Protein backbone atom coordinates (compact mmCIF):
# COMPACT_ATOMS: atom_id res chain seq x y z
CA VAL A 1 -7.73 1.95 -3.28
CA ARG A 2 -8.12 -1.11 -5.45
CA CYS A 3 -6.51 -4.42 -4.65
CA GLY A 4 -2.97 -4.51 -6.09
CA ASN A 5 -3.89 -7.60 -8.10
CA ALA A 6 -5.02 -6.28 -11.48
CA GLU A 7 -7.37 -9.27 -11.89
CA CYS A 8 -9.20 -8.49 -8.64
CA ARG A 9 -12.10 -6.05 -8.62
CA LEU A 10 -12.30 -5.44 -4.87
CA VAL A 11 -12.04 -1.89 -3.59
CA ASP A 12 -10.85 -0.78 -0.16
CA GLU A 13 -13.75 0.31 2.05
CA GLU A 14 -12.49 3.88 2.39
CA GLU A 15 -12.61 4.40 -1.36
CA SER A 16 -15.73 2.27 -1.53
CA ARG A 17 -17.66 4.81 0.48
CA GLU A 18 -16.48 7.61 -1.80
CA ARG A 19 -17.39 5.64 -4.92
CA SER A 20 -20.84 4.72 -3.63
CA ASP A 21 -21.45 8.34 -2.67
CA GLU A 22 -20.51 9.41 -6.19
CA GLY A 23 -22.85 6.77 -7.68
CA ARG A 24 -20.42 5.18 -10.10
CA GLY A 25 -22.59 2.34 -11.37
CA ALA A 26 -23.58 -1.22 -10.55
CA GLN A 27 -20.15 -2.77 -11.12
CA ALA A 28 -18.47 -0.42 -8.64
CA ALA A 29 -21.32 -0.97 -6.18
CA ALA A 30 -20.84 -4.75 -6.41
CA GLY A 31 -17.13 -4.39 -5.64
CA VAL A 32 -17.97 -2.04 -2.80
CA ALA A 33 -20.42 -4.46 -1.23
CA GLU A 34 -17.98 -7.36 -1.47
CA ALA A 35 -15.10 -5.37 0.03
CA GLU A 36 -17.27 -4.04 2.84
CA ALA A 37 -18.54 -7.52 3.63
CA LYS A 38 -14.96 -8.63 4.26
CA ALA A 39 -14.02 -5.51 6.25
CA ARG A 40 -14.26 -5.06 9.99
CA PRO A 41 -16.27 -1.97 11.00
CA GLY A 42 -14.07 1.11 10.92
CA LYS A 43 -11.03 -0.78 9.63
CA SER A 44 -9.81 -1.64 6.17
CA SER A 45 -9.58 -5.34 5.39
CA PHE A 46 -6.84 -4.56 2.86
CA LYS A 47 -3.23 -5.06 3.93
CA TRP A 48 -0.10 -3.30 2.66
CA CYS A 49 2.69 -5.26 0.96
CA GLY A 50 4.99 -5.85 3.92
CA ALA A 51 8.18 -5.28 1.95
CA CYS A 52 7.53 -2.03 0.09
CA VAL A 53 4.35 -0.68 1.73
CA VAL A 54 3.30 0.77 -1.63
CA VAL A 55 0.46 -1.54 -2.68
CA LYS A 56 -2.53 -2.92 -0.77
CA TYR A 57 -4.08 -6.35 -1.31
CA CYS A 58 -7.46 -7.71 -0.28
CA SER A 59 -6.03 -11.14 0.54
CA GLY A 60 -2.87 -13.21 0.64
CA GLU A 61 -4.15 -15.10 -2.38
CA CYS A 62 -4.39 -11.92 -4.47
CA GLN A 63 -0.93 -10.87 -3.30
CA LYS A 64 0.54 -14.22 -4.42
CA GLU A 65 -1.20 -13.99 -7.79
CA ALA A 66 0.15 -10.47 -8.36
CA TRP A 67 3.71 -11.16 -7.12
CA LYS A 68 5.32 -11.70 -10.54
CA ALA A 69 4.12 -8.29 -11.77
CA HIS A 70 4.70 -6.55 -8.43
CA LYS A 71 8.18 -7.93 -7.71
CA PRO A 72 10.20 -5.35 -9.72
CA VAL A 73 8.12 -2.46 -8.35
CA CYS A 74 8.50 -3.83 -4.84
CA ALA A 75 12.28 -4.19 -5.13
CA ARG A 76 12.68 -0.64 -6.43
CA ALA A 77 10.37 0.80 -3.77
CA LYS A 78 12.35 -0.99 -1.06
CA GLU A 79 15.60 0.47 -2.43
CA VAL A 80 14.17 3.98 -2.45
CA LYS A 81 12.78 3.54 1.07
CA GLU A 82 16.17 2.34 2.38
CA THR A 83 18.03 5.18 0.64
CA LEU A 84 15.68 7.79 2.10
CA ALA A 85 16.08 6.29 5.57
CA ALA A 86 19.89 6.45 5.26
CA HIS A 87 19.72 10.10 4.14
CA ARG A 88 17.41 11.00 7.03
CA LYS A 89 19.73 9.29 9.50
CA GLU A 90 22.75 11.16 8.09
CA ARG A 91 20.89 14.49 8.20
CA ARG A 92 19.92 13.95 11.86
CA ARG A 93 23.51 13.04 12.69
CA ARG A 94 24.77 16.27 11.10
CA GLU A 95 22.07 18.35 12.77
CA ARG A 96 23.25 17.04 16.14
CA GLY A 97 26.76 18.19 15.24
CA GLU A 98 28.25 14.73 14.94
CA ASP A 99 30.80 15.48 12.23
CA ASP A 100 33.18 12.99 10.71
CA VAL A 101 36.14 14.91 12.19
CA VAL A 102 38.49 12.76 14.26
CA ALA A 103 40.63 14.52 16.89
């Protein structure tokens, strides 16, 4: 997974390993090395956008730089996430037999 900032060339370490295994050239290898240098062993150094959890960023700085472009996507993803959660909650309520019938 690449950093959500289009100007950033860093790649998440999980994808980095796949890319280096596939031998995708010097530029990819440079991004791989840089991302892995920042990463803790066994863990990704990339963090999800806390609001939408759709995009990962390599740093807070990259997230801030990408915010203007990401904002509409983030807002829509949050709406979809909230709608799905409401539907799941309603489905569970109905499965438990909690109808809207008032006695």
